[in-house]
Amino acid sequence: MKFGSLKIIFTLAIFGLVNGCAQVAKEPEIALVTDKTITPALMSTEQFLPYIKIDEETGLRLPYVPQPNPYLGEKGQLDKLVVSHFIEAKRAIKSKSYLQAENALKSIVEKNSTLSG
């Protein structure tokens, strides 16, 4: 490789490094909305953690058996009203109407307390 090519590559690398460092970090567009009056119903997940189990008779380690995923057990479709409120909330977030989005999501939670997330 010639010295001129090496000089060009080195110059481009330095320019890229300086240009990359000059960019300012972008602030998040969506802030988390918290409402202290709503307390989520918490569920213990310890039963789903993989613990090492020992057979009491033999003292040998038992093979790991995965627990069923509780979310996969849910059957059926969501109510059309829930889906429409969710779509409405997504559109409101895109248009930066955060209060409208929050109200749409709250209406989903109030009417469907068994939904996760």
PDB file of N, CA and C in Angstrom:
ATOM      1  N   MET A   1       0.852  -1.172   0.000  1.00  0.00           N
ATOM      2  CA  MET A   1       0.000   0.000   0.000  1.00  0.00           C
ATOM      3  C   MET A   1       0.900   1.238   0.000  1.00  0.00           C
ATOM      4  N   LYS A   2       0.499   2.215  -0.768  1.00  0.00           N
ATOM      5  CA  LYS A   2       1.296   3.431  -0.876  1.00  0.00           C
ATOM      6  C   LYS A   2       1.045   4.347   0.306  1.00  0.00           C
ATOM      7  N   PHE A   3       1.998   5.230   0.529  1.00  0.00           N
ATOM      8  CA  PHE A   3       1.907   6.150   1.657  1.00  0.00           C
ATOM      9  C   PHE A   3       0.717   7.094   1.514  1.00  0.00           C
ATOM     10  N   GLY A   4       0.388   7.515   0.278  1.00  0.00           N
ATOM     11  CA  GLY A   4      -0.730   8.431   0.037  1.00  0.00           C
ATOM     12  C   GLY A   4      -2.063   7.797   0.440  1.00  0.00           C
ATOM     13  N   SER A   5      -2.250   6.498   0.127  1.00  0.00           N
ATOM     14  CA  SER A   5      -3.485   5.792   0.484  1.00  0.00           C
ATOM     15  C   SER A   5      -3.609   5.685   1.992  1.00  0.00           C
ATOM     16  N   LEU A   6      -2.493   5.388   2.653  1.00  0.00           N
ATOM     17  CA  LEU A   6      -2.491   5.269   4.108  1.00  0.00           C
ATOM     18  C   LEU A   6      -2.834   6.608   4.755  1.00  0.00           C
ATOM     19  N   LYS A   7      -2.327   7.695   4.163  1.00  0.00           N
ATOM     20  CA  LYS A   7      -2.597   9.030   4.694  1.00  0.00           C
ATOM     21  C   LYS A   7      -4.087   9.369   4.566  1.00  0.00           C
ATOM     22  N   ILE A   8      -4.704   8.995   3.437  1.00  0.00           N
ATOM     23  CA  ILE A   8      -6.134   9.265   3.227  1.00  0.00           C
ATOM     24  C   ILE A   8      -6.973   8.465   4.214  1.00  0.00           C
ATOM     25  N   ILE A   9      -6.638   7.187   4.406  1.00  0.00           N
ATOM     26  CA  ILE A   9      -7.379   6.336   5.335  1.00  0.00           C
ATOM     27  C   ILE A   9      -7.274   6.877   6.757  1.00  0.00           C
ATOM     28  N   PHE A  10      -6.079   7.292   7.146  1.00  0.00           N
ATOM     29  CA  PHE A  10      -5.860   7.835   8.484  1.00  0.00           C
ATOM     30  C   PHE A  10      -6.670   9.119   8.677  1.00  0.00           C
ATOM     31  N   THR A  11      -6.682   9.992   7.666  1.00  0.00           N
ATOM     32  CA  THR A  11      -7.425  11.249   7.741  1.00  0.00           C
ATOM     33  C   THR A  11      -8.922  10.983   7.876  1.00  0.00           C
ATOM     34  N   LEU A  12      -9.448  10.031   7.095  1.00  0.00           N
ATOM     35  CA  LEU A  12     -10.869   9.688   7.175  1.00  0.00           C
ATOM     36  C   LEU A  12     -11.221   9.103   8.543  1.00  0.00           C
ATOM     37  N   ALA A  13     -10.344   8.291   9.104  1.00  0.00           N
ATOM     38  CA  ALA A  13     -10.593   7.699  10.418  1.00  0.00           C
ATOM     39  C   ALA A  13     -10.653   8.777  11.497  1.00  0.00           C
ATOM     40  N   ILE A  14      -9.721   9.729  11.445  1.00  0.00           N
ATOM     41  CA  ILE A  14      -9.709  10.822  12.422  1.00  0.00           C
ATOM     42  C   ILE A  14     -10.961  11.681  12.258  1.00  0.00           C
ATOM     43  N   PHE A  15     -11.339  11.984  11.003  1.00  0.00           N
ATOM     44  CA  PHE A  15     -12.534  12.789  10.758  1.00  0.00           C
ATOM     45  C   PHE A  15     -13.777  12.081  11.291  1.00  0.00           C
ATOM     46  N   GLY A  16     -13.880  10.775  11.077  1.00  0.00           N
ATOM     47  CA  GLY A  16     -15.022  10.014  11.577  1.00  0.00           C
ATOM     48  C   GLY A  16     -15.072  10.009  13.092  1.00  0.00           C
ATOM     49  N   LEU A  17     -13.935   9.884  13.741  1.00  0.00           N
ATOM     50  CA  LEU A  17     -13.864   9.882  15.195  1.00  0.00           C
ATOM     51  C   LEU A  17     -14.285  11.227  15.762  1.00  0.00           C
ATOM     52  N   VAL A  18     -13.776  12.310  15.195  1.00  0.00           N
ATOM     53  CA  VAL A  18     -14.111  13.651  15.675  1.00  0.00           C
ATOM     54  C   VAL A  18     -15.580  13.950  15.398  1.00  0.00           C
ATOM     55  N   ASN A  19     -16.054  13.581  14.230  1.00  0.00           N
ATOM     56  CA  ASN A  19     -17.447  13.844  13.872  1.00  0.00           C
ATOM     57  C   ASN A  19     -18.397  13.046  14.773  1.00  0.00           C
ATOM     58  N   GLY A  20     -18.041  11.815  15.085  1.00  0.00           N
ATOM     59  CA  GLY A  20     -18.883  10.986  15.947  1.00  0.00           C
ATOM     60  C   GLY A  20     -18.944  11.511  17.370  1.00  0.00           C
ATOM     61  N   CYS A  21     -17.845  12.053  17.868  1.00  0.00           N
ATOM     62  CA  CYS A  21     -17.808  12.579  19.239  1.00  0.00           C
ATOM     63  C   CYS A  21     -18.526  13.917  19.352  1.00  0.00           C
ATOM     64  N   ALA A  22     -18.687  14.623  18.235  1.00  0.00           N
ATOM     65  CA  ALA A  22     -19.293  15.950  18.280  1.00  0.00           C
ATOM     66  C   ALA A  22     -20.812  15.897  18.378  1.00  0.00           C
ATOM     67  N   GLN A  23     -21.411  14.746  18.116  1.00  0.00           N
ATOM     68  CA  GLN A  23     -22.864  14.656  18.142  1.00  0.00           C
ATOM     69  C   GLN A  23     -23.371  14.660  19.576  1.00  0.00           C
ATOM     70  N   VAL A  24     -24.461  15.369  19.790  1.00  0.00           N
ATOM     71  CA  VAL A  24     -25.063  15.497  21.109  1.00  0.00           C
ATOM     72  C   VAL A  24     -26.053  14.351  21.304  1.00  0.00           C
ATOM     73  N   ALA A  25     -26.080  13.786  22.515  1.00  0.00           N
ATOM     74  CA  ALA A  25     -27.013  12.701  22.810  1.00  0.00           C
ATOM     75  C   ALA A  25     -28.444  13.214  22.703  1.00  0.00           C
ATOM     76  N   LYS A  26     -29.301  12.409  22.076  1.00  0.00           N
ATOM     77  CA  LYS A  26     -30.693  12.781  21.862  1.00  0.00           C
ATOM     78  C   LYS A  26     -31.505  12.421  23.099  1.00  0.00           C
ATOM     79  N   GLU A  27     -32.318  13.355  23.571  1.00  0.00           N
ATOM     80  CA  GLU A  27     -33.174  13.082  24.729  1.00  0.00           C
ATOM     81  C   GLU A  27     -34.344  12.212  24.304  1.00  0.00           C
ATOM     82  N   PRO A  28     -34.830  11.361  25.191  1.00  0.00           N
ATOM     83  CA  PRO A  28     -35.964  10.513  24.822  1.00  0.00           C
ATOM     84  C   PRO A  28     -37.203  11.356  24.530  1.00  0.00           C
ATOM     85  N   GLU A  29     -37.971  10.900  23.519  1.00  0.00           N
ATOM     86  CA  GLU A  29     -39.154  11.649  23.123  1.00  0.00           C
ATOM     87  C   GLU A  29     -40.351  11.339  24.018  1.00  0.00           C
ATOM     88  N   ILE A  30     -40.378  10.139  24.588  1.00  0.00           N
ATOM     89  CA  ILE A  30     -41.520   9.733  25.404  1.00  0.00           C
ATOM     90  C   ILE A  30     -41.044   9.533  26.836  1.00  0.00           C
ATOM     91  N   ALA A  31     -41.666  10.215  27.753  1.00  0.00           N
ATOM     92  CA  ALA A  31     -41.337  10.049  29.166  1.00  0.00           C
ATOM     93  C   ALA A  31     -42.307   9.046  29.778  1.00  0.00           C
ATOM     94  N   LEU A  32     -41.873   8.368  30.806  1.00  0.00           N
ATOM     95  CA  LEU A  32     -42.747   7.433  31.488  1.00  0.00           C
ATOM     96  C   LEU A  32     -43.794   8.191  32.286  1.00  0.00           C
ATOM     97  N   VAL A  33     -44.998   7.706  32.219  1.00  0.00           N
ATOM     98  CA  VAL A  33     -46.093   8.321  32.960  1.00  0.00           C
ATOM     99  C   VAL A  33     -46.408   7.412  34.136  1.00  0.00           C
ATOM    100  N   THR A  34     -46.322   7.953  35.325  1.00  0.00           N
ATOM    101  CA  THR A  34     -46.621   7.144  36.497  1.00  0.00           C
ATOM    102  C   THR A  34     -47.783   7.751  37.241  1.00  0.00           C
ATOM    103  N   ASP A  35     -48.616   6.894  37.734  1.00  0.00           N
ATOM    104  CA  ASP A  35     -49.775   7.331  38.505  1.00  0.00           C
ATOM    105  C   ASP A  35     -49.709   6.599  39.837  1.00  0.00           C
ATOM    106  N   LYS A  36     -49.446   7.324  40.893  1.00  0.00           N
ATOM    107  CA  LYS A  36     -49.251   6.717  42.212  1.00  0.00           C
ATOM    108  C   LYS A  36     -50.534   6.123  42.789  1.00  0.00           C
ATOM    109  N   THR A  37     -51.687   6.486  42.225  1.00  0.00           N
ATOM    110  CA  THR A  37     -52.944   5.973  42.771  1.00  0.00           C
ATOM    111  C   THR A  37     -53.239   4.550  42.301  1.00  0.00           C
ATOM    112  N   ILE A  38     -52.598   4.126  41.224  1.00  0.00           N
ATOM    113  CA  ILE A  38     -52.833   2.769  40.708  1.00  0.00           C
ATOM    114  C   ILE A  38     -51.724   1.854  41.225  1.00  0.00           C
ATOM    115  N   THR A  39     -52.108   0.817  41.919  1.00  0.00           N
ATOM    116  CA  THR A  39     -51.129  -0.163  42.382  1.00  0.00           C
ATOM    117  C   THR A  39     -51.301  -1.442  41.575  1.00  0.00           C
ATOM    118  N   PRO A  40     -50.240  -1.902  40.933  1.00  0.00           N
ATOM    119  CA  PRO A  40     -50.367  -3.118  40.125  1.00  0.00           C
ATOM    120  C   PRO A  40     -50.493  -4.353  41.011  1.00  0.00           C
ATOM    121  N   ALA A  41     -51.216  -5.331  40.521  1.00  0.00           N
ATOM    122  CA  ALA A  41     -51.328  -6.601  41.235  1.00  0.00           C
ATOM    123  C   ALA A  41     -50.075  -7.415  40.901  1.00  0.00           C
ATOM    124  N   LEU A  42     -49.264  -7.670  41.897  1.00  0.00           N
ATOM    125  CA  LEU A  42     -48.011  -8.384  41.677  1.00  0.00           C
ATOM    126  C   LEU A  42     -48.215  -9.885  41.836  1.00  0.00           C
ATOM    127  N   MET A  43     -47.484 -10.645  41.030  1.00  0.00           N
ATOM    128  CA  MET A  43     -47.570 -12.100  41.063  1.00  0.00           C
ATOM    129  C   MET A  43     -46.172 -12.645  41.317  1.00  0.00           C
ATOM    130  N   SER A  44     -46.052 -13.563  42.231  1.00  0.00           N
ATOM    131  CA  SER A  44     -44.753 -14.155  42.507  1.00  0.00           C
ATOM    132  C   SER A  44     -44.331 -15.021  41.328  1.00  0.00           C
ATOM    133  N   THR A  45     -43.089 -14.874  40.899  1.00  0.00           N
ATOM    134  CA  THR A  45     -42.581 -15.664  39.775  1.00  0.00           C
ATOM    135  C   THR A  45     -41.576 -16.719  40.219  1.00  0.00           C
ATOM    136  N   GLU A  46     -41.439 -16.912  41.519  1.00  0.00           N
ATOM    137  CA  GLU A  46     -40.451 -17.868  42.022  1.00  0.00           C
ATOM    138  C   GLU A  46     -40.697 -19.278  41.520  1.00  0.00           C
ATOM    139  N   GLN A  47     -41.961 -19.633  41.319  1.00  0.00           N
ATOM    140  CA  GLN A  47     -42.262 -20.984  40.868  1.00  0.00           C
ATOM    141  C   GLN A  47     -41.741 -21.255  39.459  1.00  0.00           C
ATOM    142  N   PHE A  48     -41.407 -20.214  38.718  1.00  0.00           N
ATOM    143  CA  PHE A  48     -40.936 -20.382  37.357  1.00  0.00           C
ATOM    144  C   PHE A  48     -39.408 -20.325  37.244  1.00  0.00           C
ATOM    145  N   LEU A  49     -38.715 -20.066  38.350  1.00  0.00           N
ATOM    146  CA  LEU A  49     -37.255 -20.001  38.323  1.00  0.00           C
ATOM    147  C   LEU A  49     -36.657 -21.404  38.384  1.00  0.00           C
ATOM    148  N   PRO A  50     -35.579 -21.631  37.642  1.00  0.00           N
ATOM    149  CA  PRO A  50     -34.969 -22.967  37.628  1.00  0.00           C
ATOM    150  C   PRO A  50     -34.037 -23.190  38.829  1.00  0.00           C
ATOM    151  N   TYR A  51     -34.535 -23.843  39.866  1.00  0.00           N
ATOM    152  CA  TYR A  51     -33.715 -24.173  41.022  1.00  0.00           C
ATOM    153  C   TYR A  51     -33.147 -25.575  40.869  1.00  0.00           C
ATOM    154  N   ILE A  52     -31.988 -25.812  41.443  1.00  0.00           N
ATOM    155  CA  ILE A  52     -31.397 -27.147  41.456  1.00  0.00           C
ATOM    156  C   ILE A  52     -32.137 -27.962  42.514  1.00  0.00           C
ATOM    157  N   LYS A  53     -32.666 -29.109  42.098  1.00  0.00           N
ATOM    158  CA  LYS A  53     -33.410 -29.959  43.015  1.00  0.00           C
ATOM    159  C   LYS A  53     -32.677 -31.291  43.160  1.00  0.00           C
ATOM    160  N   ILE A  54     -32.666 -31.784  44.391  1.00  0.00           N
ATOM    161  CA  ILE A  54     -31.970 -33.028  44.710  1.00  0.00           C
ATOM    162  C   ILE A  54     -32.994 -34.077  45.150  1.00  0.00           C
ATOM    163  N   ASP A  55     -32.829 -35.284  44.637  1.00  0.00           N
ATOM    164  CA  ASP A  55     -33.688 -36.399  45.051  1.00  0.00           C
ATOM    165  C   ASP A  55     -33.307 -36.779  46.476  1.00  0.00           C
ATOM    166  N   GLU A  56     -34.266 -36.780  47.394  1.00  0.00           N
ATOM    167  CA  GLU A  56     -33.986 -37.049  48.805  1.00  0.00           C
ATOM    168  C   GLU A  56     -33.532 -38.481  49.046  1.00  0.00           C
ATOM    169  N   GLU A  57     -34.009 -39.438  48.281  1.00  0.00           N
ATOM    170  CA  GLU A  57     -33.643 -40.845  48.475  1.00  0.00           C
ATOM    171  C   GLU A  57     -32.235 -41.147  47.967  1.00  0.00           C
ATOM    172  N   THR A  58     -31.927 -40.694  46.747  1.00  0.00           N
ATOM    173  CA  THR A  58     -30.637 -41.044  46.143  1.00  0.00           C
ATOM    174  C   THR A  58     -29.572 -39.978  46.350  1.00  0.00           C
ATOM    175  N   GLY A  59     -29.994 -38.741  46.610  1.00  0.00           N
ATOM    176  CA  GLY A  59     -29.029 -37.662  46.756  1.00  0.00           C
ATOM    177  C   GLY A  59     -28.534 -37.141  45.416  1.00  0.00           C
ATOM    178  N   LEU A  60     -29.098 -37.652  44.317  1.00  0.00           N
ATOM    179  CA  LEU A  60     -28.686 -37.212  42.984  1.00  0.00           C
ATOM    180  C   LEU A  60     -29.484 -35.991  42.534  1.00  0.00           C
ATOM    181  N   ARG A  61     -28.866 -35.266  41.666  1.00  0.00           N
ATOM    182  CA  ARG A  61     -29.493 -34.062  41.133  1.00  0.00           C
ATOM    183  C   ARG A  61     -30.603 -34.459  40.147  1.00  0.00           C
ATOM    184  N   LEU A  62     -31.783 -33.856  40.317  1.00  0.00           N
ATOM    185  CA  LEU A  62     -32.903 -34.128  39.422  1.00  0.00           C
ATOM    186  C   LEU A  62     -32.768 -33.281  38.158  1.00  0.00           C
ATOM    187  N   PRO A  63     -33.209 -33.804  37.012  1.00  0.00           N
ATOM    188  CA  PRO A  63     -33.114 -33.011  35.778  1.00  0.00           C
ATOM    189  C   PRO A  63     -34.062 -31.811  35.823  1.00  0.00           C
ATOM    190  N   TYR A  64     -33.666 -30.781  35.144  1.00  0.00           N
ATOM    191  CA  TYR A  64     -34.481 -29.556  35.086  1.00  0.00           C
ATOM    192  C   TYR A  64     -35.723 -29.809  34.240  1.00  0.00           C
ATOM    193  N   VAL A  65     -36.863 -29.448  34.775  1.00  0.00           N
ATOM    194  CA  VAL A  65     -38.126 -29.552  34.043  1.00  0.00           C
ATOM    195  C   VAL A  65     -38.720 -28.151  33.989  1.00  0.00           C
ATOM    196  N   PRO A  66     -38.814 -27.585  32.790  1.00  0.00           N
ATOM    197  CA  PRO A  66     -39.330 -26.213  32.705  1.00  0.00           C
ATOM    198  C   PRO A  66     -40.795 -26.134  33.088  1.00  0.00           C
ATOM    199  N   GLN A  67     -41.153 -25.034  33.733  1.00  0.00           N
ATOM    200  CA  GLN A  67     -42.541 -24.783  34.106  1.00  0.00           C
ATOM    201  C   GLN A  67     -43.273 -24.175  32.907  1.00  0.00           C
ATOM    202  N   PRO A  68     -44.555 -24.397  32.812  1.00  0.00           N
ATOM    203  CA  PRO A  68     -45.286 -23.809  31.686  1.00  0.00           C
ATOM    204  C   PRO A  68     -45.326 -22.282  31.784  1.00  0.00           C
ATOM    205  N   ASN A  69     -45.267 -21.638  30.644  1.00  0.00           N
ATOM    206  CA  ASN A  69     -45.335 -20.185  30.577  1.00  0.00           C
ATOM    207  C   ASN A  69     -46.781 -19.760  30.825  1.00  0.00           C
ATOM    208  N   PRO A  70     -47.055 -18.973  31.881  1.00  0.00           N
ATOM    209  CA  PRO A  70     -48.443 -18.612  32.179  1.00  0.00           C
ATOM    210  C   PRO A  70     -49.092 -17.763  31.088  1.00  0.00           C
ATOM    211  N   TYR A  71     -48.290 -17.026  30.319  1.00  0.00           N
ATOM    212  CA  TYR A  71     -48.846 -16.182  29.273  1.00  0.00           C
ATOM    213  C   TYR A  71     -49.318 -17.002  28.074  1.00  0.00           C
ATOM    214  N   LEU A  72     -48.706 -18.169  27.860  1.00  0.00           N
ATOM    215  CA  LEU A  72     -49.128 -19.017  26.753  1.00  0.00           C
ATOM    216  C   LEU A  72     -50.422 -19.740  27.064  1.00  0.00           C
ATOM    217  N   GLY A  73     -50.803 -19.787  28.336  1.00  0.00           N
ATOM    218  CA  GLY A  73     -52.033 -20.456  28.732  1.00  0.00           C
ATOM    219  C   GLY A  73     -53.278 -19.652  28.433  1.00  0.00           C
ATOM    220  N   GLU A  74     -53.094 -18.374  28.162  1.00  0.00           N
ATOM    221  CA  GLU A  74     -54.245 -17.514  27.869  1.00  0.00           C
ATOM    222  C   GLU A  74     -54.814 -17.879  26.503  1.00  0.00           C
ATOM    223  N   LYS A  75     -56.094 -18.085  26.451  1.00  0.00           N
ATOM    224  CA  LYS A  75     -56.771 -18.425  25.200  1.00  0.00           C
ATOM    225  C   LYS A  75     -57.825 -17.376  24.890  1.00  0.00           C
ATOM    226  N   GLY A  76     -58.208 -17.309  23.659  1.00  0.00           N
ATOM    227  CA  GLY A  76     -59.262 -16.389  23.256  1.00  0.00           C
ATOM    228  C   GLY A  76     -58.702 -15.111  22.681  1.00  0.00           C
ATOM    229  N   GLN A  77     -59.591 -14.332  22.150  1.00  0.00           N
ATOM    230  CA  GLN A  77     -59.207 -13.065  21.538  1.00  0.00           C
ATOM    231  C   GLN A  77     -59.540 -11.909  22.463  1.00  0.00           C
ATOM    232  N   LEU A  78     -58.847 -10.832  22.232  1.00  0.00           N
ATOM    233  CA  LEU A  78     -59.141  -9.617  22.982  1.00  0.00           C
ATOM    234  C   LEU A  78     -60.424  -8.991  22.454  1.00  0.00           C
ATOM    235  N   ASP A  79     -61.087  -8.273  23.313  1.00  0.00           N
ATOM    236  CA  ASP A  79     -62.279  -7.548  22.936  1.00  0.00           C
ATOM    237  C   ASP A  79     -61.909  -6.482  21.897  1.00  0.00           C
ATOM    238  N   LYS A  80     -62.770  -6.250  20.945  1.00  0.00           N
ATOM    239  CA  LYS A  80     -62.491  -5.262  19.891  1.00  0.00           C
ATOM    240  C   LYS A  80     -62.283  -3.866  20.461  1.00  0.00           C
ATOM    241  N   LEU A  81     -62.978  -3.571  21.540  1.00  0.00           N
ATOM    242  CA  LEU A  81     -62.834  -2.262  22.177  1.00  0.00           C
ATOM    243  C   LEU A  81     -61.412  -2.078  22.737  1.00  0.00           C
ATOM    244  N   VAL A  82     -60.844  -3.158  23.302  1.00  0.00           N
ATOM    245  CA  VAL A  82     -59.469  -3.105  23.828  1.00  0.00           C
ATOM    246  C   VAL A  82     -58.496  -2.813  22.699  1.00  0.00           C
ATOM    247  N   VAL A  83     -58.652  -3.523  21.591  1.00  0.00           N
ATOM    248  CA  VAL A  83     -57.755  -3.330  20.448  1.00  0.00           C
ATOM    249  C   VAL A  83     -57.883  -1.913  19.904  1.00  0.00           C
ATOM    250  N   SER A  84     -59.098  -1.411  19.791  1.00  0.00           N
ATOM    251  CA  SER A  84     -59.279  -0.053  19.252  1.00  0.00           C
ATOM    252  C   SER A  84     -58.681   0.996  20.192  1.00  0.00           C
ATOM    253  N   HIS A  85     -58.803   0.797  21.514  1.00  0.00           N
ATOM    254  CA  HIS A  85     -58.182   1.743  22.461  1.00  0.00           C
ATOM    255  C   HIS A  85     -56.666   1.695  22.359  1.00  0.00           C
ATOM    256  N   PHE A  86     -56.108   0.506  22.151  1.00  0.00           N
ATOM    257  CA  PHE A  86     -54.657   0.382  22.027  1.00  0.00           C
ATOM    258  C   PHE A  86     -54.163   1.077  20.758  1.00  0.00           C
ATOM    259  N   ILE A  87     -54.875   0.882  19.651  1.00  0.00           N
ATOM    260  CA  ILE A  87     -54.498   1.557  18.402  1.00  0.00           C
ATOM    261  C   ILE A  87     -54.609   3.068  18.571  1.00  0.00           C
ATOM    262  N   GLU A  88     -55.659   3.508  19.244  1.00  0.00           N
ATOM    263  CA  GLU A  88     -55.845   4.934  19.519  1.00  0.00           C
ATOM    264  C   GLU A  88     -54.677   5.484  20.346  1.00  0.00           C
ATOM    265  N   ALA A  89     -54.221   4.725  21.338  1.00  0.00           N
ATOM    266  CA  ALA A  89     -53.099   5.158  22.178  1.00  0.00           C
ATOM    267  C   ALA A  89     -51.814   5.240  21.364  1.00  0.00           C
ATOM    268  N   LYS A  90     -51.577   4.257  20.495  1.00  0.00           N
ATOM    269  CA  LYS A  90     -50.369   4.294  19.655  1.00  0.00           C
ATOM    270  C   LYS A  90     -50.368   5.506  18.737  1.00  0.00           C
ATOM    271  N   ARG A  91     -51.513   5.798  18.152  1.00  0.00           N
ATOM    272  CA  ARG A  91     -51.610   6.967  17.268  1.00  0.00           C
ATOM    273  C   ARG A  91     -51.410   8.261  18.054  1.00  0.00           C
ATOM    274  N   ALA A  92     -51.948   8.314  19.258  1.00  0.00           N
ATOM    275  CA  ALA A  92     -51.793   9.514  20.093  1.00  0.00           C
ATOM    276  C   ALA A  92     -50.330   9.724  20.470  1.00  0.00           C
ATOM    277  N   ILE A  93     -49.607   8.631  20.753  1.00  0.00           N
ATOM    278  CA  ILE A  93     -48.181   8.755  21.084  1.00  0.00           C
ATOM    279  C   ILE A  93     -47.406   9.264  19.884  1.00  0.00           C
ATOM    280  N   LYS A  94     -47.724   8.745  18.686  1.00  0.00           N
ATOM    281  CA  LYS A  94     -47.024   9.215  17.475  1.00  0.00           C
ATOM    282  C   LYS A  94     -47.268  10.699  17.226  1.00  0.00           C
ATOM    283  N   SER A  95     -48.478  11.155  17.538  1.00  0.00           N
ATOM    284  CA  SER A  95     -48.785  12.576  17.328  1.00  0.00           C
ATOM    285  C   SER A  95     -48.446  13.424  18.555  1.00  0.00           C
ATOM    286  N   LYS A  96     -47.785  12.821  19.529  1.00  0.00           N
ATOM    287  CA  LYS A  96     -47.337  13.486  20.755  1.00  0.00           C
ATOM    288  C   LYS A  96     -48.486  14.024  21.606  1.00  0.00           C
ATOM    289  N   SER A  97     -49.642  13.361  21.533  1.00  0.00           N
ATOM    290  CA  SER A  97     -50.784  13.689  22.394  1.00  0.00           C
ATOM    291  C   SER A  97     -50.760  12.721  23.569  1.00  0.00           C
ATOM    292  N   TYR A  98     -49.837  12.958  24.476  1.00  0.00           N
ATOM    293  CA  TYR A  98     -49.562  11.989  25.535  1.00  0.00           C
ATOM    294  C   TYR A  98     -50.716  11.841  26.532  1.00  0.00           C
ATOM    295  N   LEU A  99     -51.429  12.895  26.801  1.00  0.00           N
ATOM    296  CA  LEU A  99     -52.558  12.809  27.725  1.00  0.00           C
ATOM    297  C   LEU A  99     -53.670  11.932  27.133  1.00  0.00           C
ATOM    298  N   GLN A 100     -53.920  12.100  25.855  1.00  0.00           N
ATOM    299  CA  GLN A 100     -54.919  11.277  25.178  1.00  0.00           C
ATOM    300  C   GLN A 100     -54.479   9.808  25.171  1.00  0.00           C
ATOM    301  N   ALA A 101     -53.193   9.560  24.948  1.00  0.00           N
ATOM    302  CA  ALA A 101     -52.671   8.187  24.957  1.00  0.00           C
ATOM    303  C   ALA A 101     -52.796   7.581  26.345  1.00  0.00           C
ATOM    304  N   GLU A 102     -52.471   8.357  27.358  1.00  0.00           N
ATOM    305  CA  GLU A 102     -52.570   7.860  28.728  1.00  0.00           C
ATOM    306  C   GLU A 102     -54.016   7.506  29.080  1.00  0.00           C
ATOM    307  N   ASN A 103     -54.952   8.333  28.669  1.00  0.00           N
ATOM    308  CA  ASN A 103     -56.363   8.054  28.944  1.00  0.00           C
ATOM    309  C   ASN A 103     -56.834   6.788  28.240  1.00  0.00           C
ATOM    310  N   ALA A 104     -56.393   6.578  27.003  1.00  0.00           N
ATOM    311  CA  ALA A 104     -56.777   5.369  26.268  1.00  0.00           C
ATOM    312  C   ALA A 104     -56.213   4.129  26.947  1.00  0.00           C
ATOM    313  N   LEU A 105     -54.966   4.204  27.392  1.00  0.00           N
ATOM    314  CA  LEU A 105     -54.347   3.046  28.062  1.00  0.00           C
ATOM    315  C   LEU A 105     -54.984   2.800  29.427  1.00  0.00           C
ATOM    316  N   LYS A 106     -55.335   3.869  30.132  1.00  0.00           N
ATOM    317  CA  LYS A 106     -56.000   3.696  31.435  1.00  0.00           C
ATOM    318  C   LYS A 106     -57.347   3.019  31.280  1.00  0.00           C
ATOM    319  N   SER A 107     -58.063   3.353  30.213  1.00  0.00           N
ATOM    320  CA  SER A 107     -59.366   2.719  30.005  1.00  0.00           C
ATOM    321  C   SER A 107     -59.214   1.222  29.742  1.00  0.00           C
ATOM    322  N   ILE A 108     -58.128   0.837  29.089  1.00  0.00           N
ATOM    323  CA  ILE A 108     -57.861  -0.598  28.868  1.00  0.00           C
ATOM    324  C   ILE A 108     -57.598  -1.278  30.198  1.00  0.00           C
ATOM    325  N   VAL A 109     -56.775  -0.676  31.028  1.00  0.00           N
ATOM    326  CA  VAL A 109     -56.409  -1.276  32.310  1.00  0.00           C
ATOM    327  C   VAL A 109     -57.611  -1.373  33.254  1.00  0.00           C
ATOM    328  N   GLU A 110     -58.419  -0.336  33.276  1.00  0.00           N
ATOM    329  CA  GLU A 110     -59.574  -0.334  34.174  1.00  0.00           C
ATOM    330  C   GLU A 110     -60.581  -1.427  33.837  1.00  0.00           C
ATOM    331  N   LYS A 111     -60.788  -1.663  32.557  1.00  0.00           N
ATOM    332  CA  LYS A 111     -61.797  -2.652  32.138  1.00  0.00           C
ATOM    333  C   LYS A 111     -61.243  -4.067  32.034  1.00  0.00           C
ATOM    334  N   ASN A 112     -59.905  -4.205  31.992  1.00  0.00           N
ATOM    335  CA  ASN A 112     -59.285  -5.520  31.801  1.00  0.00           C
ATOM    336  C   ASN A 112     -58.110  -5.681  32.752  1.00  0.00           C
ATOM    337  N   SER A 113     -58.413  -5.872  34.015  1.00  0.00           N
ATOM    338  CA  SER A 113     -57.343  -5.937  35.029  1.00  0.00           C
ATOM    339  C   SER A 113     -56.527  -7.219  34.935  1.00  0.00           C
ATOM    340  N   THR A 114     -56.988  -8.201  34.172  1.00  0.00           N
ATOM    341  CA  THR A 114     -56.234  -9.469  34.091  1.00  0.00           C
ATOM    342  C   THR A 114     -55.201  -9.460  32.969  1.00  0.00           C
ATOM    343  N   LEU A 115     -55.184  -8.441  32.126  1.00  0.00           N
ATOM    344  CA  LEU A 115     -54.191  -8.385  31.054  1.00  0.00           C
ATOM    345  C   LEU A 115     -52.822  -8.034  31.621  1.00  0.00           C
ATOM    346  N   SER A 116     -51.790  -8.650  31.091  1.00  0.00           N
ATOM    347  CA  SER A 116     -50.437  -8.333  31.559  1.00  0.00           C
ATOM    348  C   SER A 116     -49.914  -7.099  30.845  1.00  0.00           C
ATOM    349  N   GLY A 117     -48.864  -6.497  31.419  1.00  0.00           N
ATOM    350  CA  GLY A 117     -48.201  -5.397  30.751  1.00  0.00           C
ATOM    351  C   GLY A 117     -48.907  -4.108  30.922  1.00  0.00           C
TER     352      GLY A 117
END
